[in-house]
Amino acid sequence: MKILAIESSCDETAAAVVEDGTRVLSSVVASQVDVHHVYGGVVPELASRKHIEAIVPVVREALEEAGLHRTDIDAVAVTQGPGLVGALLIGFSYAKAYAWGLGIPCVGVNHLEGHMSSIFLGDNPPQFPYVALLVSGGHTSLYYVTGPTEYELMGQTRDDAVGEAFDKVSKMLGFGYPGGVVIDALAVKGDPTAIAFPRPYLDKKAFDFSFSGLKSAVGRHLKEHPDPDETRLHNIAASFQESVAVVLCHKLIYAAQVKNCTHIAVVGGVAANSRVRSMVGAEAKKRHLSFHTPELKYCGDNAAMIGAIGYHRWLEGRFLSVGDDTYSRAKLPSNTKHK
């Protein structure tokens, strides 16, 4: 079962061919980071225009990389939401038209479910049930996962998502967008114990998150210590990142204990953060838990993960009709069960 997958929810135009939901035959991503960096964040109108320019060559390249002709494709899967509406519409409209032209099914999928399914594109997927921490630029949530499309929401952020907090702190430090890569690189040279930033647990026995206070603490520190030298910049980044990693790690491990799970996963763009990966990995080993995270190339937005979940939605027969539309804001389905 070969699925052509398309992703355009934000600032990456991506296409991939995925076989049976797990084997990636090709994965192509056209990034817009250079376009948006100067503005300190994603500009929706520019993102939409760049998707229009990139969608055709990206899809063509994905097919060529897979060594396939368009008539070899069995179905098309595409991100339906959440995301920037203008950006979503480019990939969504193209995918529906492409499938209609070939006379094959088109499946619309939730972008967050794509991130959840990215864990199955590697050689060591978790066993069901497992607890997953989904951390990205727009989302921070904990899920108890009992099947490929079956999730129970355990907790989520009440304000800033982790990726959003990284972007805002990076901007405070004068480095701009994208913040996750910047903070990670700066933190490597810093002392994570240099500055006592708060650990925003909210409640150590609950699963919700809040990072706006931590972000504000960094802002206050910069007001009290303006014009930081290189050493202080590194220490601020390392101390901020440490606070984030400690909270994420605690919540994930505790959730696994509550659900009596031996498998845990971290997915989404922030899953690429070196400190989060190392800290969770170390704690998992200490507690004899099996820790899973996608390959780095599948942590950020990509189309291979859309093909992975698209396969399961295809099995369920959840095909798009001509009148179906995108959606900008939606959470991953909670307690989703499909017989």
C-alpha atoms as a PDB file:
ATOM      1  CA  MET A   1       0.000   0.000   0.000  1.00  0.00           C
ATOM      2  CA  LYS A   2       1.839   3.091  -1.242  1.00  0.00           C
ATOM      3  CA  ILE A   3       0.626   6.466  -0.010  1.00  0.00           C
ATOM      4  CA  LEU A   4       1.707   9.842  -1.319  1.00  0.00           C
ATOM      5  CA  ALA A   5       1.663  12.152   1.701  1.00  0.00           C
ATOM      6  CA  ILE A   6       1.614  15.953   1.673  1.00  0.00           C
ATOM      7  CA  GLU A   7       2.232  18.359   4.559  1.00  0.00           C
ATOM      8  CA  SER A   8       1.880  22.184   4.437  1.00  0.00           C
ATOM      9  CA  SER A   9       0.536  23.212   7.841  1.00  0.00           C
ATOM     10  CA  CYS A  10       3.128  25.892   8.603  1.00  0.00           C
ATOM     11  CA  ASP A  11       6.462  26.790   7.016  1.00  0.00           C
ATOM     12  CA  GLU A  12       7.593  23.510   5.450  1.00  0.00           C
ATOM     13  CA  THR A  13       6.312  22.164   2.155  1.00  0.00           C
ATOM     14  CA  ALA A  14       6.791  18.409   2.380  1.00  0.00           C
ATOM     15  CA  ALA A  15       5.939  15.308   0.382  1.00  0.00           C
ATOM     16  CA  ALA A  16       6.753  11.657   0.979  1.00  0.00           C
ATOM     17  CA  VAL A  17       5.876   8.184  -0.224  1.00  0.00           C
ATOM     18  CA  VAL A  18       5.206   5.726   2.588  1.00  0.00           C
ATOM     19  CA  GLU A  19       4.529   2.025   2.180  1.00  0.00           C
ATOM     20  CA  ASP A  20       2.180   0.239   4.616  1.00  0.00           C
ATOM     21  CA  GLY A  21       2.464   3.059   7.140  1.00  0.00           C
ATOM     22  CA  THR A  22       6.036   2.276   8.224  1.00  0.00           C
ATOM     23  CA  ARG A  23       8.457   2.087   5.294  1.00  0.00           C
ATOM     24  CA  VAL A  24       9.573   5.470   3.967  1.00  0.00           C
ATOM     25  CA  LEU A  25      10.353   5.272   0.259  1.00  0.00           C
ATOM     26  CA  SER A  26      11.045   9.006  -0.008  1.00  0.00           C
ATOM     27  CA  SER A  27      10.799  12.153   2.098  1.00  0.00           C
ATOM     28  CA  VAL A  28      11.325  15.666   0.756  1.00  0.00           C
ATOM     29  CA  VAL A  29      11.056  18.856   2.821  1.00  0.00           C
ATOM     30  CA  ALA A  30      11.351  22.395   1.466  1.00  0.00           C
ATOM     31  CA  SER A  31      12.013  24.672   4.444  1.00  0.00           C
ATOM     32  CA  GLN A  32      11.121  28.362   4.635  1.00  0.00           C
ATOM     33  CA  VAL A  33      13.316  29.205   7.618  1.00  0.00           C
ATOM     34  CA  ASP A  34      15.423  31.702   5.659  1.00  0.00           C
ATOM     35  CA  VAL A  35      12.260  33.509   4.522  1.00  0.00           C
ATOM     36  CA  HIS A  36      10.807  33.956   8.009  1.00  0.00           C
ATOM     37  CA  HIS A  37      13.999  34.362  10.063  1.00  0.00           C
ATOM     38  CA  VAL A  38      14.243  38.085   9.353  1.00  0.00           C
ATOM     39  CA  TYR A  39      10.731  38.606  10.810  1.00  0.00           C
ATOM     40  CA  GLY A  40      11.379  36.637  14.009  1.00  0.00           C
ATOM     41  CA  GLY A  41       8.591  34.151  13.262  1.00  0.00           C
ATOM     42  CA  VAL A  42       6.366  32.703  10.569  1.00  0.00           C
ATOM     43  CA  VAL A  43       4.497  35.243   8.412  1.00  0.00           C
ATOM     44  CA  PRO A  44       1.322  33.405   7.257  1.00  0.00           C
ATOM     45  CA  GLU A  45       0.935  35.204   3.927  1.00  0.00           C
ATOM     46  CA  LEU A  46       4.552  34.574   2.956  1.00  0.00           C
ATOM     47  CA  ALA A  47       4.240  30.936   4.028  1.00  0.00           C
ATOM     48  CA  SER A  48       1.223  30.448   1.756  1.00  0.00           C
ATOM     49  CA  ARG A  49       2.997  31.982  -1.233  1.00  0.00           C
ATOM     50  CA  LYS A  50       6.061  29.812  -0.745  1.00  0.00           C
ATOM     51  CA  HIS A  51       3.862  26.686  -0.520  1.00  0.00           C
ATOM     52  CA  ILE A  52       2.350  27.573  -3.903  1.00  0.00           C
ATOM     53  CA  GLU A  53       5.840  27.834  -5.393  1.00  0.00           C
ATOM     54  CA  ALA A  54       7.121  24.606  -3.833  1.00  0.00           C
ATOM     55  CA  ILE A  55       4.241  22.123  -3.874  1.00  0.00           C
ATOM     56  CA  VAL A  56       4.610  20.844  -7.457  1.00  0.00           C
ATOM     57  CA  PRO A  57       8.413  20.366  -7.487  1.00  0.00           C
ATOM     58  CA  VAL A  58       8.388  18.836  -3.993  1.00  0.00           C
ATOM     59  CA  VAL A  59       5.769  16.230  -4.931  1.00  0.00           C
ATOM     60  CA  ARG A  60       7.592  15.488  -8.194  1.00  0.00           C
ATOM     61  CA  GLU A  61      10.876  15.028  -6.310  1.00  0.00           C
ATOM     62  CA  ALA A  62       9.244  12.687  -3.770  1.00  0.00           C
ATOM     63  CA  LEU A  63       7.961  10.433  -6.554  1.00  0.00           C
ATOM     64  CA  GLU A  64      11.322  10.466  -8.340  1.00  0.00           C
ATOM     65  CA  GLU A  65      13.191   9.664  -5.109  1.00  0.00           C
ATOM     66  CA  ALA A  66      10.858   6.711  -4.516  1.00  0.00           C
ATOM     67  CA  GLY A  67      11.365   5.522  -8.095  1.00  0.00           C
ATOM     68  CA  LEU A  68       7.636   5.593  -8.779  1.00  0.00           C
ATOM     69  CA  HIS A  69       5.228   6.991 -11.325  1.00  0.00           C
ATOM     70  CA  ARG A  70       2.117   8.758 -10.096  1.00  0.00           C
ATOM     71  CA  THR A  71       0.015   5.805 -11.307  1.00  0.00           C
ATOM     72  CA  ASP A  72       1.859   3.578  -8.774  1.00  0.00           C
ATOM     73  CA  ILE A  73       0.292   5.514  -5.893  1.00  0.00           C
ATOM     74  CA  ASP A  74      -2.678   3.838  -4.139  1.00  0.00           C
ATOM     75  CA  ALA A  75      -3.906   6.813  -2.088  1.00  0.00           C
ATOM     76  CA  VAL A  76      -3.040  10.362  -1.052  1.00  0.00           C
ATOM     77  CA  ALA A  77      -2.820  11.510   2.574  1.00  0.00           C
ATOM     78  CA  VAL A  78      -2.698  15.192   3.493  1.00  0.00           C
ATOM     79  CA  THR A  79      -2.636  17.362   6.595  1.00  0.00           C
ATOM     80  CA  GLN A  80      -6.142  18.756   7.132  1.00  0.00           C
ATOM     81  CA  GLY A  81      -5.302  20.659  10.315  1.00  0.00           C
ATOM     82  CA  PRO A  82      -4.452  22.189  12.677  1.00  0.00           C
ATOM     83  CA  GLY A  83      -2.210  24.887  11.248  1.00  0.00           C
ATOM     84  CA  LEU A  84      -2.207  28.134   9.300  1.00  0.00           C
ATOM     85  CA  VAL A  85      -5.338  28.083   7.154  1.00  0.00           C
ATOM     86  CA  GLY A  86      -3.719  29.647   4.102  1.00  0.00           C
ATOM     87  CA  ALA A  87      -0.787  27.243   4.271  1.00  0.00           C
ATOM     88  CA  LEU A  88      -3.022  24.222   4.854  1.00  0.00           C
ATOM     89  CA  LEU A  89      -5.227  25.073   1.891  1.00  0.00           C
ATOM     90  CA  ILE A  90      -2.330  24.816  -0.564  1.00  0.00           C
ATOM     91  CA  GLY A  91      -1.428  21.244   0.285  1.00  0.00           C
ATOM     92  CA  PHE A  92      -5.017  20.194   0.999  1.00  0.00           C
ATOM     93  CA  SER A  93      -6.424  21.481  -2.297  1.00  0.00           C
ATOM     94  CA  TYR A  94      -3.505  20.068  -4.264  1.00  0.00           C
ATOM     95  CA  ALA A  95      -3.863  16.637  -2.614  1.00  0.00           C
ATOM     96  CA  LYS A  96      -7.604  16.408  -3.267  1.00  0.00           C
ATOM     97  CA  ALA A  97      -7.155  17.410  -6.902  1.00  0.00           C
ATOM     98  CA  TYR A  98      -4.231  15.009  -7.345  1.00  0.00           C
ATOM     99  CA  ALA A  99      -6.226  12.078  -5.926  1.00  0.00           C
ATOM    100  CA  TRP A 100      -9.326  13.005  -7.915  1.00  0.00           C
ATOM    101  CA  GLY A 101      -7.306  13.151 -11.116  1.00  0.00           C
ATOM    102  CA  LEU A 102      -5.922   9.671 -10.497  1.00  0.00           C
ATOM    103  CA  GLY A 103      -9.223   8.233  -9.270  1.00  0.00           C
ATOM    104  CA  ILE A 104      -7.762   7.144  -5.910  1.00  0.00           C
ATOM    105  CA  PRO A 105      -8.826   7.875  -2.289  1.00  0.00           C
ATOM    106  CA  CYS A 106      -7.639  10.983  -0.426  1.00  0.00           C
ATOM    107  CA  VAL A 107      -7.325  10.890   3.358  1.00  0.00           C
ATOM    108  CA  GLY A 108      -7.243  14.009   5.545  1.00  0.00           C
ATOM    109  CA  VAL A 109      -5.319  13.612   8.792  1.00  0.00           C
ATOM    110  CA  ASN A 110      -4.648  15.527  11.983  1.00  0.00           C
ATOM    111  CA  HIS A 111      -1.153  17.023  12.020  1.00  0.00           C
ATOM    112  CA  LEU A 112      -0.713  16.045  15.673  1.00  0.00           C
ATOM    113  CA  GLU A 113      -1.589  12.440  14.905  1.00  0.00           C
ATOM    114  CA  GLY A 114       1.165  12.615  12.329  1.00  0.00           C
ATOM    115  CA  HIS A 115       3.683  13.518  15.020  1.00  0.00           C
ATOM    116  CA  MET A 116       2.365  10.685  17.177  1.00  0.00           C
ATOM    117  CA  SER A 117       2.826   8.233  14.282  1.00  0.00           C
ATOM    118  CA  SER A 118       6.368   9.418  13.479  1.00  0.00           C
ATOM    119  CA  ILE A 119       7.588   7.027  16.166  1.00  0.00           C
ATOM    120  CA  PHE A 120       6.649   4.077  13.933  1.00  0.00           C
ATOM    121  CA  LEU A 121       8.902   5.114  11.050  1.00  0.00           C
ATOM    122  CA  GLY A 122      11.988   3.753  12.782  1.00  0.00           C
ATOM    123  CA  ASP A 123      13.303   0.291  13.623  1.00  0.00           C
ATOM    124  CA  ASN A 124      12.327   0.338  17.289  1.00  0.00           C
ATOM    125  CA  PRO A 125       8.673   1.409  17.708  1.00  0.00           C
ATOM    126  CA  PRO A 126       7.034   1.262  21.149  1.00  0.00           C
ATOM    127  CA  GLN A 127       4.599  -1.454  22.134  1.00  0.00           C
ATOM    128  CA  PHE A 128       1.019  -0.534  22.985  1.00  0.00           C
ATOM    129  CA  PRO A 129       0.072   0.839  25.415  1.00  0.00           C
ATOM    130  CA  TYR A 130       2.596   3.608  25.947  1.00  0.00           C
ATOM    131  CA  VAL A 131       2.706   7.201  27.190  1.00  0.00           C
ATOM    132  CA  ALA A 132       3.721   9.868  24.681  1.00  0.00           C
ATOM    133  CA  LEU A 133       4.854  13.435  25.237  1.00  0.00           C
ATOM    134  CA  LEU A 134       4.048  15.569  22.197  1.00  0.00           C
ATOM    135  CA  VAL A 135       6.140  18.748  22.234  1.00  0.00           C
ATOM    136  CA  SER A 136       6.271  21.185  19.331  1.00  0.00           C
ATOM    137  CA  GLY A 137       6.025  24.861  18.456  1.00  0.00           C
ATOM    138  CA  GLY A 138       2.296  24.950  19.062  1.00  0.00           C
ATOM    139  CA  HIS A 139       1.539  21.981  21.289  1.00  0.00           C
ATOM    140  CA  THR A 140       2.641  20.403  24.547  1.00  0.00           C
ATOM    141  CA  SER A 141       0.524  17.421  25.584  1.00  0.00           C
ATOM    142  CA  LEU A 142       0.713  14.035  27.305  1.00  0.00           C
ATOM    143  CA  TYR A 143      -1.188  11.080  25.837  1.00  0.00           C
ATOM    144  CA  TYR A 144      -1.859   7.517  26.866  1.00  0.00           C
ATOM    145  CA  VAL A 145      -1.758   5.620  23.572  1.00  0.00           C
ATOM    146  CA  THR A 146      -3.506   2.257  23.292  1.00  0.00           C
ATOM    147  CA  GLY A 147      -3.607   1.807  19.503  1.00  0.00           C
ATOM    148  CA  PRO A 148      -2.584   3.434  16.206  1.00  0.00           C
ATOM    149  CA  THR A 149      -5.561   5.820  16.384  1.00  0.00           C
ATOM    150  CA  GLU A 150      -6.549   5.477  20.052  1.00  0.00           C
ATOM    151  CA  TYR A 151      -5.448   8.175  22.497  1.00  0.00           C
ATOM    152  CA  GLU A 152      -6.351   9.455  25.920  1.00  0.00           C
ATOM    153  CA  LEU A 153      -5.374  13.046  26.688  1.00  0.00           C
ATOM    154  CA  MET A 154      -3.730  13.163  30.120  1.00  0.00           C
ATOM    155  CA  GLY A 155      -2.563  16.772  30.222  1.00  0.00           C
ATOM    156  CA  GLN A 156      -1.612  19.779  28.106  1.00  0.00           C
ATOM    157  CA  THR A 157      -0.155  23.262  28.321  1.00  0.00           C
ATOM    158  CA  ARG A 158      -2.313  26.016  29.762  1.00  0.00           C
ATOM    159  CA  ASP A 159      -0.451  28.757  27.899  1.00  0.00           C
ATOM    160  CA  ASP A 160       2.770  28.656  25.876  1.00  0.00           C
ATOM    161  CA  ALA A 161       3.811  25.442  24.179  1.00  0.00           C
ATOM    162  CA  VAL A 162       7.433  24.427  24.739  1.00  0.00           C
ATOM    163  CA  GLY A 163       8.512  25.290  21.201  1.00  0.00           C
ATOM    164  CA  GLU A 164       6.816  28.672  21.506  1.00  0.00           C
ATOM    165  CA  ALA A 165       8.705  29.359  24.740  1.00  0.00           C
ATOM    166  CA  PHE A 166      12.004  28.466  23.046  1.00  0.00           C
ATOM    167  CA  ASP A 167      11.229  30.874  20.195  1.00  0.00           C
ATOM    168  CA  LYS A 168      10.333  33.727  22.559  1.00  0.00           C
ATOM    169  CA  VAL A 169      13.413  33.257  24.745  1.00  0.00           C
ATOM    170  CA  SER A 170      15.613  33.120  21.650  1.00  0.00           C
ATOM    171  CA  LYS A 171      14.085  36.410  20.517  1.00  0.00           C
ATOM    172  CA  MET A 172      14.778  37.948  23.951  1.00  0.00           C
ATOM    173  CA  LEU A 173      18.410  36.904  23.580  1.00  0.00           C
ATOM    174  CA  GLY A 174      18.559  38.575  20.186  1.00  0.00           C
ATOM    175  CA  PHE A 175      18.738  35.463  18.012  1.00  0.00           C
ATOM    176  CA  GLY A 176      15.203  35.227  16.654  1.00  0.00           C
ATOM    177  CA  TYR A 177      13.502  32.361  14.861  1.00  0.00           C
ATOM    178  CA  PRO A 178      13.692  29.355  14.981  1.00  0.00           C
ATOM    179  CA  GLY A 179      14.505  29.346  18.671  1.00  0.00           C
ATOM    180  CA  GLY A 180      14.812  25.647  19.455  1.00  0.00           C
ATOM    181  CA  VAL A 181      17.976  25.094  17.441  1.00  0.00           C
ATOM    182  CA  VAL A 182      19.508  28.341  18.734  1.00  0.00           C
ATOM    183  CA  ILE A 183      18.890  27.610  22.422  1.00  0.00           C
ATOM    184  CA  ASP A 184      20.132  24.032  22.081  1.00  0.00           C
ATOM    185  CA  ALA A 185      23.373  25.196  20.453  1.00  0.00           C
ATOM    186  CA  LEU A 186      23.972  27.957  23.015  1.00  0.00           C
ATOM    187  CA  ALA A 187      23.178  25.660  25.938  1.00  0.00           C
ATOM    188  CA  VAL A 188      25.916  23.192  24.992  1.00  0.00           C
ATOM    189  CA  LYS A 189      28.500  25.804  26.034  1.00  0.00           C
ATOM    190  CA  GLY A 190      26.630  26.984  29.134  1.00  0.00           C
ATOM    191  CA  ASP A 191      26.214  25.946  32.776  1.00  0.00           C
ATOM    192  CA  PRO A 192      22.663  24.650  33.427  1.00  0.00           C
ATOM    193  CA  THR A 193      23.042  25.408  37.147  1.00  0.00           C
ATOM    194  CA  ALA A 194      24.257  28.985  36.694  1.00  0.00           C
ATOM    195  CA  ILE A 195      20.842  30.638  37.030  1.00  0.00           C
ATOM    196  CA  ALA A 196      18.026  29.364  39.264  1.00  0.00           C
ATOM    197  CA  PHE A 197      15.102  29.696  36.892  1.00  0.00           C
ATOM    198  CA  PRO A 198      11.829  28.310  38.279  1.00  0.00           C
ATOM    199  CA  ARG A 199      10.683  24.751  37.558  1.00  0.00           C
ATOM    200  CA  PRO A 200       7.037  25.233  36.494  1.00  0.00           C
ATOM    201  CA  TYR A 201       5.585  21.914  37.669  1.00  0.00           C
ATOM    202  CA  LEU A 202       2.195  23.466  38.636  1.00  0.00           C
ATOM    203  CA  ASP A 203       1.449  20.236  40.478  1.00  0.00           C
ATOM    204  CA  LYS A 204       3.917  17.336  40.523  1.00  0.00           C
ATOM    205  CA  LYS A 205       1.018  14.888  40.585  1.00  0.00           C
ATOM    206  CA  ALA A 206      -0.873  16.449  37.688  1.00  0.00           C
ATOM    207  CA  PHE A 207      -0.127  16.485  33.984  1.00  0.00           C
ATOM    208  CA  ASP A 208      -0.823  20.026  32.756  1.00  0.00           C
ATOM    209  CA  PHE A 209       2.016  22.360  31.772  1.00  0.00           C
ATOM    210  CA  SER A 210       2.678  26.100  31.920  1.00  0.00           C
ATOM    211  CA  PHE A 211       5.755  27.819  30.508  1.00  0.00           C
ATOM    212  CA  SER A 212       4.715  31.468  30.387  1.00  0.00           C
ATOM    213  CA  GLY A 213       6.094  32.088  33.887  1.00  0.00           C
ATOM    214  CA  LEU A 214       9.457  30.576  33.015  1.00  0.00           C
ATOM    215  CA  LYS A 215       9.611  32.711  29.876  1.00  0.00           C
ATOM    216  CA  SER A 216       8.817  35.800  31.993  1.00  0.00           C
ATOM    217  CA  ALA A 217      11.555  34.833  34.470  1.00  0.00           C
ATOM    218  CA  VAL A 218      14.086  34.911  31.641  1.00  0.00           C
ATOM    219  CA  GLY A 219      12.788  38.356  30.648  1.00  0.00           C
ATOM    220  CA  ARG A 220      13.167  39.656  34.216  1.00  0.00           C
ATOM    221  CA  HIS A 221      16.703  38.288  34.424  1.00  0.00           C
ATOM    222  CA  LEU A 222      17.644  40.115  31.235  1.00  0.00           C
ATOM    223  CA  LYS A 223      16.215  43.367  32.600  1.00  0.00           C
ATOM    224  CA  GLU A 224      18.265  42.962  35.767  1.00  0.00           C
ATOM    225  CA  HIS A 225      21.384  41.963  33.809  1.00  0.00           C
ATOM    226  CA  PRO A 226      21.200  43.845  30.478  1.00  0.00           C
ATOM    227  CA  ASP A 227      23.697  43.381  27.662  1.00  0.00           C
ATOM    228  CA  PRO A 228      24.888  39.907  28.709  1.00  0.00           C
ATOM    229  CA  ASP A 229      28.305  38.793  27.505  1.00  0.00           C
ATOM    230  CA  GLU A 230      28.805  35.534  25.612  1.00  0.00           C
ATOM    231  CA  THR A 231      29.280  33.444  28.763  1.00  0.00           C
ATOM    232  CA  ARG A 232      26.072  34.737  30.338  1.00  0.00           C
ATOM    233  CA  LEU A 233      24.135  34.134  27.101  1.00  0.00           C
ATOM    234  CA  HIS A 234      25.258  30.520  27.151  1.00  0.00           C
ATOM    235  CA  ASN A 235      24.351  30.177  30.828  1.00  0.00           C
ATOM    236  CA  ILE A 236      20.891  31.708  30.331  1.00  0.00           C
ATOM    237  CA  ALA A 237      20.174  29.304  27.486  1.00  0.00           C
ATOM    238  CA  ALA A 238      21.455  26.297  29.411  1.00  0.00           C
ATOM    239  CA  SER A 239      19.576  27.181  32.610  1.00  0.00           C
ATOM    240  CA  PHE A 240      16.322  27.861  30.744  1.00  0.00           C
ATOM    241  CA  GLN A 241      16.621  24.636  28.756  1.00  0.00           C
ATOM    242  CA  GLU A 242      17.360  22.679  31.925  1.00  0.00           C
ATOM    243  CA  SER A 243      14.183  23.945  33.603  1.00  0.00           C
ATOM    244  CA  VAL A 244      12.129  22.903  30.586  1.00  0.00           C
ATOM    245  CA  ALA A 245      13.732  19.474  30.342  1.00  0.00           C
ATOM    246  CA  VAL A 246      13.346  18.728  34.054  1.00  0.00           C
ATOM    247  CA  VAL A 247       9.609  19.477  33.988  1.00  0.00           C
ATOM    248  CA  LEU A 248       8.956  17.560  30.777  1.00  0.00           C
ATOM    249  CA  CYS A 249      10.905  14.568  32.024  1.00  0.00           C
ATOM    250  CA  HIS A 250       9.146  14.509  35.390  1.00  0.00           C
ATOM    251  CA  LYS A 251       5.657  14.688  33.901  1.00  0.00           C
ATOM    252  CA  LEU A 252       6.359  11.973  31.334  1.00  0.00           C
ATOM    253  CA  ILE A 253       7.933   9.542  33.810  1.00  0.00           C
ATOM    254  CA  TYR A 254       5.188  10.130  36.360  1.00  0.00           C
ATOM    255  CA  ALA A 255       2.495   9.578  33.710  1.00  0.00           C
ATOM    256  CA  ALA A 256       4.099   6.248  32.814  1.00  0.00           C
ATOM    257  CA  GLN A 257       4.088   5.237  36.479  1.00  0.00           C
ATOM    258  CA  VAL A 258       0.415   6.166  36.871  1.00  0.00           C
ATOM    259  CA  LYS A 259      -0.540   4.187  33.743  1.00  0.00           C
ATOM    260  CA  ASN A 260       1.837   1.346  34.624  1.00  0.00           C
ATOM    261  CA  CYS A 261       3.494   1.610  31.190  1.00  0.00           C
ATOM    262  CA  THR A 262       6.975   0.330  30.426  1.00  0.00           C
ATOM    263  CA  HIS A 263       7.206   2.191  27.093  1.00  0.00           C
ATOM    264  CA  ILE A 264       7.438   5.981  26.750  1.00  0.00           C
ATOM    265  CA  ALA A 265       7.923   8.275  23.766  1.00  0.00           C
ATOM    266  CA  VAL A 266       8.759  11.902  22.995  1.00  0.00           C
ATOM    267  CA  VAL A 267       7.589  13.212  19.605  1.00  0.00           C
ATOM    268  CA  GLY A 268       7.319  16.567  17.837  1.00  0.00           C
ATOM    269  CA  GLY A 269       9.842  19.251  16.976  1.00  0.00           C
ATOM    270  CA  VAL A 270      11.171  19.629  20.522  1.00  0.00           C
ATOM    271  CA  ALA A 271      11.926  15.886  20.556  1.00  0.00           C
ATOM    272  CA  ALA A 272      15.042  16.916  18.617  1.00  0.00           C
ATOM    273  CA  ASN A 273      16.337  18.879  21.626  1.00  0.00           C
ATOM    274  CA  SER A 274      19.526  17.195  22.822  1.00  0.00           C
ATOM    275  CA  ARG A 275      18.956  17.865  26.529  1.00  0.00           C
ATOM    276  CA  VAL A 276      15.367  16.593  26.513  1.00  0.00           C
ATOM    277  CA  ARG A 277      16.433  13.422  24.704  1.00  0.00           C
ATOM    278  CA  SER A 278      19.390  12.749  27.002  1.00  0.00           C
ATOM    279  CA  MET A 279      17.557  13.489  30.251  1.00  0.00           C
ATOM    280  CA  VAL A 280      14.499  11.390  29.414  1.00  0.00           C
ATOM    281  CA  GLY A 281      16.742   8.616  28.115  1.00  0.00           C
ATOM    282  CA  ALA A 282      18.779   8.568  31.330  1.00  0.00           C
ATOM    283  CA  GLU A 283      15.697   8.561  33.577  1.00  0.00           C
ATOM    284  CA  ALA A 284      14.074   5.833  31.484  1.00  0.00           C
ATOM    285  CA  LYS A 285      17.165   3.639  31.776  1.00  0.00           C
ATOM    286  CA  LYS A 286      17.318   4.202  35.524  1.00  0.00           C
ATOM    287  CA  ARG A 287      13.668   3.101  35.874  1.00  0.00           C
ATOM    288  CA  HIS A 288      13.899   0.243  33.353  1.00  0.00           C
ATOM    289  CA  LEU A 289      11.568   1.922  30.875  1.00  0.00           C
ATOM    290  CA  SER A 290      11.848   1.604  27.104  1.00  0.00           C
ATOM    291  CA  PHE A 291      12.355   5.080  25.636  1.00  0.00           C
ATOM    292  CA  HIS A 292      11.417   5.835  22.025  1.00  0.00           C
ATOM    293  CA  THR A 293      11.817   8.953  19.930  1.00  0.00           C
ATOM    294  CA  PRO A 294      11.763   9.499  16.160  1.00  0.00           C
ATOM    295  CA  GLU A 295      14.863   9.953  14.060  1.00  0.00           C
ATOM    296  CA  LEU A 296      15.844  13.603  14.050  1.00  0.00           C
ATOM    297  CA  LYS A 297      14.647  14.039  10.455  1.00  0.00           C
ATOM    298  CA  TYR A 298      11.131  12.971  11.492  1.00  0.00           C
ATOM    299  CA  CYS A 299      10.865  15.161  14.628  1.00  0.00           C
ATOM    300  CA  GLY A 300      10.041  18.378  12.803  1.00  0.00           C
ATOM    301  CA  ASP A 301       7.213  18.812  10.317  1.00  0.00           C
ATOM    302  CA  ASN A 302       7.496  16.273   7.493  1.00  0.00           C
ATOM    303  CA  ALA A 303       5.202  14.331   5.195  1.00  0.00           C
ATOM    304  CA  ALA A 304       6.421  10.828   6.077  1.00  0.00           C
ATOM    305  CA  MET A 305       4.592  11.048   9.422  1.00  0.00           C
ATOM    306  CA  ILE A 306       1.439  12.097   7.555  1.00  0.00           C
ATOM    307  CA  GLY A 307       1.747   8.973   5.418  1.00  0.00           C
ATOM    308  CA  ALA A 308       2.187   6.849   8.545  1.00  0.00           C
ATOM    309  CA  ILE A 309      -1.105   7.926  10.135  1.00  0.00           C
ATOM    310  CA  GLY A 310      -2.760   8.257   6.730  1.00  0.00           C
ATOM    311  CA  TYR A 311      -2.332   4.514   6.220  1.00  0.00           C
ATOM    312  CA  HIS A 312      -4.386   3.757   9.340  1.00  0.00           C
ATOM    313  CA  ARG A 313      -7.069   6.278   8.406  1.00  0.00           C
ATOM    314  CA  TRP A 314      -7.171   4.643   4.968  1.00  0.00           C
ATOM    315  CA  LEU A 315      -7.705   1.254   6.617  1.00  0.00           C
ATOM    316  CA  GLU A 316     -10.686   2.797   8.444  1.00  0.00           C
ATOM    317  CA  GLY A 317     -12.091   4.099   5.159  1.00  0.00           C
ATOM    318  CA  ARG A 318     -12.041   7.716   6.295  1.00  0.00           C
ATOM    319  CA  PHE A 319     -11.803   9.299   2.848  1.00  0.00           C
ATOM    320  CA  LEU A 320     -12.260  12.970   2.013  1.00  0.00           C
ATOM    321  CA  SER A 321     -15.123  14.237  -0.088  1.00  0.00           C
ATOM    322  CA  VAL A 322     -14.915  17.194  -2.468  1.00  0.00           C
ATOM    323  CA  GLY A 323     -16.617  19.510   0.044  1.00  0.00           C
ATOM    324  CA  ASP A 324     -14.357  18.762   3.023  1.00  0.00           C
ATOM    325  CA  ASP A 325     -12.300  21.686   4.330  1.00  0.00           C
ATOM    326  CA  THR A 326      -9.266  22.390   6.499  1.00  0.00           C
ATOM    327  CA  TYR A 327      -9.367  23.430  10.169  1.00  0.00           C
ATOM    328  CA  SER A 328      -6.988  25.783  11.929  1.00  0.00           C
ATOM    329  CA  ARG A 329      -7.344  24.739  15.556  1.00  0.00           C
ATOM    330  CA  ALA A 330      -8.072  21.276  16.835  1.00  0.00           C
ATOM    331  CA  LYS A 331      -6.637  18.979  19.452  1.00  0.00           C
ATOM    332  CA  LEU A 332      -5.676  15.381  18.943  1.00  0.00           C
ATOM    333  CA  PRO A 333      -8.837  13.299  19.424  1.00  0.00           C
ATOM    334  CA  SER A 334      -9.172  12.263  23.059  1.00  0.00           C
ATOM    335  CA  ASN A 335     -10.285   8.703  23.859  1.00  0.00           C
ATOM    336  CA  THR A 336     -10.512   8.050  20.123  1.00  0.00           C
ATOM    337  CA  LYS A 337     -11.667   4.523  19.415  1.00  0.00           C
ATOM    338  CA  HIS A 338     -12.665   3.198  16.015  1.00  0.00           C
ATOM    339  CA  LYS A 339     -14.175  -0.263  15.804  1.00  0.00           C
END
